Amino acid sequence: MNPQLALLLALVASAALSAVSGSFNPYYIQVLTFAGINIILGVSLNLINGHTGQFSLGHAGFMAVGGYASAFLTTKFGPQLAGSFLGENALFLGALIAGGVAAALAGLTVGVPSLRLKGDYLAIITLGFGEIIRVLIQNTDAVGGPRGLTGIPGYTNLFWTFGLAAVTIYVISALVDSTYGRGFLTVRDDEIAASAMGIDTTRYKVVAFIVGAFFAGVAGGLFAHSTRYLTPEGFTFQKTVEIVIIVILGGMGHNAGVAFAAVLVTILLEALRGVADLNWLPQFVRDLTKNRTLIFSVVLIALMLLRPQGLFGGLKIGKAKAT
């Protein structure tokens, strides 16, 4: 199918789903919203980790920057600017873009000095960056500090969530499949050979970080205006691991697989909440289901041993091949 037509159909389907969402249980709508946000997070990280071959552990930090930036704008200027349906949506779109730009600037900040590194060293740098962002937010009273930011308007709906998820998949797939985007795949496949051929590998890695961080910031804005409350504890290392698992589960470099994995992981995480409330299960089993870090560790080990290419690694849709 033509990519532009697929994007248009996805936007129409998102609008239709949002129009009828009022007749469904709000809990299921919330789970669907989180699934769409995780699609954006997973596909944007896939550009960095999957298509470009880097290993970033700072995506939760980019998400936090975008979430707090967009929420700050809507809470401060919303009452003055959002007097109608059109005004609210225009304000929300502007806030999401501003949050994405703020996250992209953060991606540029961490990218320029550190992307001459690779492998474990790059992972450590990005992990430290994510923690720095969280601690800075925790000590900034303007955004609530450790108390969190409250009073965020609930602008997020299924149209915005899945519409922007479709835009994310389209933009990143089109970028990677373009002539310019082949540079990302070249850096991933053999960085030394790419550099020897005159390709500026550092520039490609910085661009991947900027684009990936932008969409992570947009996802953070959607998350903020869905939960209507932000706290620094929502952007810990555990959140980054959750996004990394989505990419690995879906198959690194496979956008369609990552999108499916994002939905699967979201549903499984919510299902585990129900398991913890089953009184007929042994207490130690219920306690284990509450420990997401342990579950994520077991899933990662199992994937690396049994299917390192990911559960959806064989999918053709959304997969970019180097030529």
Protein backbone atom coordinates (compact mmCIF):
# COMPACT_ATOMS: atom_id res chain seq x y z
CA MET A 1 0.00 0.00 0.00
CA ASN A 2 1.14 3.53 -0.72
CA PRO A 3 2.65 4.97 2.52
CA GLN A 4 0.79 8.26 2.19
CA LEU A 5 -2.52 6.45 1.73
CA ALA A 6 -1.75 4.20 4.70
CA LEU A 7 -1.07 7.28 6.84
CA LEU A 8 -4.32 8.91 5.73
CA LEU A 9 -6.31 5.76 6.51
CA ALA A 10 -4.63 5.53 9.92
CA LEU A 11 -5.58 9.12 10.72
CA VAL A 12 -9.18 8.53 9.64
CA ALA A 13 -9.35 5.33 11.72
CA SER A 14 -7.90 7.19 14.72
CA ALA A 15 -10.54 9.90 14.39
CA ALA A 16 -13.33 7.31 14.12
CA LEU A 17 -12.02 5.39 17.13
CA SER A 18 -11.81 8.57 19.16
CA ALA A 19 -15.37 9.55 18.17
CA VAL A 20 -16.85 6.33 19.58
CA SER A 21 -14.50 6.05 22.58
CA GLY A 22 -17.10 7.56 24.90
CA SER A 23 -19.17 4.38 24.74
CA PHE A 24 -16.34 2.19 26.08
CA ASN A 25 -14.99 1.60 29.56
CA PRO A 26 -12.58 4.45 30.44
CA TYR A 27 -10.08 1.92 31.77
CA TYR A 28 -9.78 0.23 28.36
CA ILE A 29 -9.44 3.63 26.69
CA GLN A 30 -6.59 4.44 29.07
CA VAL A 31 -4.84 1.17 28.26
CA LEU A 32 -5.25 1.86 24.52
CA THR A 33 -3.82 5.34 25.05
CA PHE A 34 -0.76 3.95 26.85
CA ALA A 35 -0.33 1.43 24.03
CA GLY A 36 -0.29 4.23 21.45
CA ILE A 37 2.21 6.23 23.51
CA ASN A 38 4.43 3.16 23.80
CA ILE A 39 4.29 2.74 20.01
CA ILE A 40 5.73 6.24 19.62
CA LEU A 41 8.40 5.57 22.24
CA GLY A 42 9.36 2.19 20.80
CA VAL A 43 9.51 3.27 17.15
CA SER A 44 11.49 6.43 18.01
CA LEU A 45 14.03 4.44 20.04
CA ASN A 46 14.17 1.91 17.21
CA LEU A 47 15.63 4.63 14.97
CA ILE A 48 18.54 4.98 17.41
CA ASN A 49 19.03 1.42 18.61
CA GLY A 50 17.69 -0.56 15.67
CA HIS A 51 18.31 1.37 12.48
CA THR A 52 21.47 3.24 13.52
CA GLY A 53 22.95 0.51 15.70
CA GLN A 54 23.55 2.62 18.82
CA PHE A 55 22.56 1.68 22.37
CA SER A 56 20.74 4.48 24.17
CA LEU A 57 19.39 4.19 27.69
CA GLY A 58 18.23 7.79 27.99
CA HIS A 59 14.85 7.68 26.26
CA ALA A 60 12.91 8.15 29.49
CA GLY A 61 14.87 11.39 29.99
CA PHE A 62 13.79 12.70 26.58
CA MET A 63 10.22 11.69 27.37
CA ALA A 64 10.40 13.58 30.68
CA VAL A 65 11.69 16.76 28.99
CA GLY A 66 8.87 16.72 26.44
CA GLY A 67 6.23 15.85 29.00
CA TYR A 68 7.15 18.57 31.46
CA ALA A 69 7.73 21.20 28.76
CA SER A 70 4.34 20.65 27.11
CA ALA A 71 2.50 20.36 30.44
CA PHE A 72 4.12 23.58 31.69
CA LEU A 73 2.87 25.45 28.62
CA THR A 74 -0.70 24.17 28.79
CA THR A 75 -1.02 24.72 32.54
CA LYS A 76 0.38 28.26 32.36
CA PHE A 77 -1.23 29.49 29.15
CA GLY A 78 -4.20 27.16 28.74
CA PRO A 79 -6.77 29.23 30.65
CA GLN A 80 -5.95 32.32 28.55
CA LEU A 81 -5.62 30.68 25.12
CA ALA A 82 -7.96 27.70 25.16
CA GLY A 83 -11.44 29.16 25.06
CA SER A 84 -12.88 26.85 22.41
CA PHE A 85 -12.50 23.41 20.92
CA LEU A 86 -10.33 24.76 18.13
CA GLY A 87 -8.27 26.82 20.56
CA GLU A 88 -7.66 23.89 22.88
CA ASN A 89 -6.52 21.62 20.08
CA ALA A 90 -4.30 24.33 18.59
CA LEU A 91 -2.76 24.92 22.02
CA PHE A 92 -2.26 21.19 22.54
CA LEU A 93 -0.61 20.72 19.15
CA GLY A 94 1.67 23.67 19.81
CA ALA A 95 2.57 22.32 23.25
CA LEU A 96 3.35 18.87 21.83
CA ILE A 97 5.61 20.38 19.17
CA ALA A 98 7.31 22.57 21.79
CA GLY A 99 7.85 19.54 24.01
CA GLY A 100 9.27 17.61 21.07
CA VAL A 101 11.63 20.49 20.21
CA ALA A 102 12.78 20.73 23.84
CA ALA A 103 13.49 16.99 23.87
CA ALA A 104 15.28 17.27 20.51
CA LEU A 105 17.52 19.99 21.94
CA ALA A 106 18.24 17.68 24.85
CA GLY A 107 19.08 14.96 22.34
CA LEU A 108 21.44 17.34 20.58
CA THR A 109 23.02 18.27 23.90
CA VAL A 110 23.79 14.68 24.79
CA GLY A 111 24.52 13.68 21.20
CA VAL A 112 27.24 16.10 20.15
CA PRO A 113 29.73 15.42 22.97
CA SER A 114 29.07 11.72 23.45
CA LEU A 115 28.30 10.12 20.09
CA ARG A 116 31.93 9.64 19.21
CA LEU A 117 31.57 6.85 21.75
CA LYS A 118 29.76 3.60 21.07
CA GLY A 119 28.62 0.40 22.70
CA ASP A 120 28.75 0.20 26.49
CA TYR A 121 30.30 3.67 26.83
CA LEU A 122 27.45 5.31 24.95
CA ALA A 123 24.89 3.38 27.02
CA ILE A 124 26.48 4.62 30.25
CA ILE A 125 26.53 8.24 29.01
CA THR A 126 22.87 8.19 27.98
CA LEU A 127 21.86 6.44 31.20
CA GLY A 128 23.60 9.15 33.20
CA PHE A 129 21.89 11.83 31.11
CA GLY A 130 18.48 10.36 31.86
CA GLU A 131 19.17 10.36 35.58
CA ILE A 132 20.48 13.95 35.44
CA ILE A 133 17.23 15.07 33.79
CA ARG A 134 15.14 13.31 36.43
CA VAL A 135 17.12 14.82 39.32
CA LEU A 136 16.99 18.31 37.78
CA ILE A 137 13.21 18.06 37.45
CA GLN A 138 12.97 16.78 41.00
CA ASN A 139 14.74 19.92 42.23
CA THR A 140 12.86 22.46 40.07
CA ASP A 141 9.97 24.05 41.95
CA ALA A 142 8.56 25.65 38.78
CA VAL A 143 7.36 22.20 37.65
CA GLY A 144 6.38 20.91 41.07
CA GLY A 145 9.70 19.41 42.14
CA PRO A 146 9.35 16.10 44.02
CA ARG A 147 5.63 16.81 44.57
CA GLY A 148 4.93 16.50 40.87
CA LEU A 149 3.10 18.72 38.40
CA THR A 150 -0.68 18.75 38.81
CA GLY A 151 -3.62 20.44 37.13
CA ILE A 152 -2.60 19.34 33.62
CA PRO A 153 -5.58 19.51 31.22
CA GLY A 154 -6.72 16.19 29.79
CA TYR A 155 -6.31 16.95 26.10
CA THR A 156 -5.01 13.53 25.05
CA ASN A 157 -7.49 11.29 23.25
CA LEU A 158 -7.28 8.33 20.89
CA PHE A 159 -7.11 10.53 17.80
CA TRP A 160 -4.06 12.40 19.03
CA THR A 161 -2.43 9.25 20.37
CA PHE A 162 -2.83 6.90 17.43
CA GLY A 163 -2.72 9.67 14.85
CA LEU A 164 0.70 10.73 16.12
CA ALA A 165 1.76 7.09 16.41
CA ALA A 166 0.95 6.69 12.71
CA VAL A 167 2.86 9.89 11.90
CA THR A 168 5.86 8.60 13.88
CA ILE A 169 5.93 5.30 12.00
CA TYR A 170 5.49 7.07 8.67
CA VAL A 171 8.21 9.68 9.27
CA ILE A 172 10.81 7.27 10.60
CA SER A 173 10.09 4.63 7.95
CA ALA A 174 10.25 7.25 5.17
CA LEU A 175 13.47 8.67 6.61
CA VAL A 176 15.19 5.29 6.82
CA ASP A 177 13.96 4.21 3.37
CA SER A 178 15.15 7.44 1.74
CA THR A 179 18.49 7.89 0.02
CA TYR A 180 19.74 9.93 2.97
CA GLY A 181 18.44 7.35 5.43
CA ARG A 182 20.65 4.61 4.00
CA GLY A 183 23.42 6.31 5.94
CA PHE A 184 21.79 5.16 9.19
CA LEU A 185 21.86 1.55 8.02
CA THR A 186 25.45 1.90 6.85
CA VAL A 187 26.51 3.17 10.27
CA ARG A 188 24.69 0.24 11.86
CA ASP A 189 26.16 -2.43 9.59
CA ASP A 190 29.79 -1.30 9.62
CA GLU A 191 30.70 2.06 11.12
CA ILE A 192 34.40 1.73 10.30
CA ALA A 193 33.73 0.98 6.63
CA ALA A 194 31.19 3.81 6.46
CA SER A 195 33.74 6.25 7.87
CA ALA A 196 36.37 5.01 5.42
CA MET A 197 33.96 5.75 2.55
CA GLY A 198 33.65 9.37 3.68
CA ILE A 199 30.31 9.11 5.52
CA ASP A 200 30.10 11.41 8.54
CA THR A 201 29.01 8.74 11.02
CA THR A 202 28.84 11.15 13.95
CA ARG A 203 26.38 13.38 12.07
CA TYR A 204 24.09 10.43 11.33
CA LYS A 205 24.14 9.34 14.96
CA VAL A 206 23.37 12.88 16.13
CA VAL A 207 20.47 13.16 13.65
CA ALA A 208 19.10 9.81 14.87
CA PHE A 209 19.25 11.07 18.46
CA ILE A 210 17.56 14.35 17.59
CA VAL A 211 14.70 12.74 15.64
CA GLY A 212 14.25 9.94 18.19
CA ALA A 213 14.29 12.42 21.08
CA PHE A 214 11.74 14.67 19.33
CA PHE A 215 9.16 11.90 19.08
CA ALA A 216 9.96 10.74 22.63
CA GLY A 217 9.16 14.30 23.74
CA VAL A 218 5.87 14.19 21.86
CA ALA A 219 5.05 10.89 23.59
CA GLY A 220 5.86 12.53 26.91
CA GLY A 221 3.42 15.33 26.13
CA LEU A 222 0.68 12.84 25.30
CA PHE A 223 1.42 10.94 28.52
CA ALA A 224 1.27 14.12 30.60
CA HIS A 225 -2.10 15.17 29.19
CA SER A 226 -3.49 11.67 29.62
CA THR A 227 -2.54 11.05 33.27
CA ARG A 228 -2.94 14.79 34.07
CA TYR A 229 -0.19 14.41 36.65
CA LEU A 230 3.59 14.11 36.30
CA THR A 231 6.16 13.04 38.84
CA PRO A 232 9.91 12.47 38.37
CA GLU A 233 9.47 8.92 39.61
CA GLY A 234 7.58 8.10 36.43
CA PHE A 235 10.75 8.49 34.33
CA THR A 236 13.21 6.24 36.12
CA PHE A 237 15.60 3.71 34.59
CA GLN A 238 12.79 1.16 34.75
CA LYS A 239 10.81 3.16 32.17
CA THR A 240 13.79 3.14 29.81
CA VAL A 241 14.16 -0.64 30.24
CA GLU A 242 10.47 -1.02 29.37
CA ILE A 243 11.01 0.85 26.09
CA VAL A 244 14.18 -1.11 25.30
CA ILE A 245 12.28 -4.38 25.82
CA ILE A 246 9.63 -3.19 23.35
CA VAL A 247 12.33 -2.63 20.71
CA ILE A 248 14.07 -5.94 21.36
CA LEU A 249 10.79 -7.87 21.52
CA GLY A 250 9.57 -6.37 18.25
CA GLY A 251 12.86 -6.90 16.46
CA MET A 252 15.48 -4.18 16.19
CA GLY A 253 15.13 -2.34 12.89
CA HIS A 254 11.53 -3.52 12.31
CA ASN A 255 9.05 -0.68 12.84
CA ALA A 256 5.93 -2.81 12.41
CA GLY A 257 7.24 -5.43 14.84
CA VAL A 258 8.08 -2.77 17.41
CA ALA A 259 4.56 -1.31 17.09
CA PHE A 260 3.01 -4.74 17.69
CA ALA A 261 5.37 -5.35 20.61
CA ALA A 262 4.40 -2.00 22.18
CA VAL A 263 0.75 -3.03 22.24
CA LEU A 264 1.62 -6.51 23.54
CA VAL A 265 3.86 -5.22 26.36
CA THR A 266 1.26 -2.64 27.42
CA ILE A 267 -1.48 -5.27 27.65
CA LEU A 268 0.76 -7.73 29.49
CA LEU A 269 1.80 -5.11 32.05
CA GLU A 270 -1.84 -4.29 32.74
CA ALA A 271 -2.70 -7.99 32.95
CA LEU A 272 -0.01 -8.44 35.60
CA ARG A 273 -1.80 -5.91 37.77
CA GLY A 274 -4.82 -8.21 37.79
CA VAL A 275 -2.71 -11.28 38.59
CA ALA A 276 -1.38 -9.56 41.70
CA ASP A 277 -4.97 -9.31 43.01
CA LEU A 278 -5.80 -13.03 42.60
CA ASN A 279 -6.05 -14.30 46.17
CA TRP A 280 -5.98 -17.97 45.16
CA LEU A 281 -2.40 -17.66 43.89
CA PRO A 282 0.49 -18.19 46.32
CA GLN A 283 1.73 -14.99 47.92
CA PHE A 284 5.22 -15.25 46.43
CA VAL A 285 3.75 -15.47 42.90
CA ARG A 286 1.67 -12.32 43.49
CA ASP A 287 4.73 -10.54 44.86
CA LEU A 288 6.75 -11.50 41.78
CA THR A 289 4.15 -10.00 39.45
CA LYS A 290 4.56 -6.67 41.24
CA ASN A 291 8.31 -6.63 40.56
CA ARG A 292 8.54 -5.36 36.99
CA THR A 293 12.33 -5.19 37.07
CA LEU A 294 12.55 -8.93 37.73
CA ILE A 295 10.01 -9.71 35.02
CA PHE A 296 11.81 -7.51 32.48
CA SER A 297 15.13 -9.19 33.32
CA VAL A 298 13.70 -12.66 32.76
CA VAL A 299 12.07 -11.59 29.48
CA LEU A 300 15.33 -10.08 28.21
CA ILE A 301 17.35 -13.20 29.08
CA ALA A 302 14.77 -15.46 27.44
CA LEU A 303 14.70 -13.34 24.28
CA MET A 304 18.47 -13.24 23.95
CA LEU A 305 18.69 -17.02 24.32
CA LEU A 306 15.65 -18.16 22.34
CA ARG A 307 14.99 -15.47 19.71
CA PRO A 308 17.59 -12.69 19.57
CA GLN A 309 16.00 -11.23 16.41
CA GLY A 310 12.76 -10.54 18.34
CA LEU A 311 9.34 -12.12 18.18
CA PHE A 312 8.39 -10.12 15.09
CA GLY A 313 11.82 -10.03 13.48
CA GLY A 314 10.60 -11.84 10.38
CA LEU A 315 7.99 -9.24 9.46
CA LYS A 316 8.57 -7.48 6.13
CA ILE A 317 6.37 -4.44 6.80
CA GLY A 318 8.28 -1.44 8.05
CA LYS A 319 11.61 -3.19 7.74
CA ALA A 320 14.39 -1.28 6.09
CA LYS A 321 17.04 -3.25 4.26
CA ALA A 322 20.47 -1.98 3.46
CA THR A 323 21.48 -2.05 -0.16
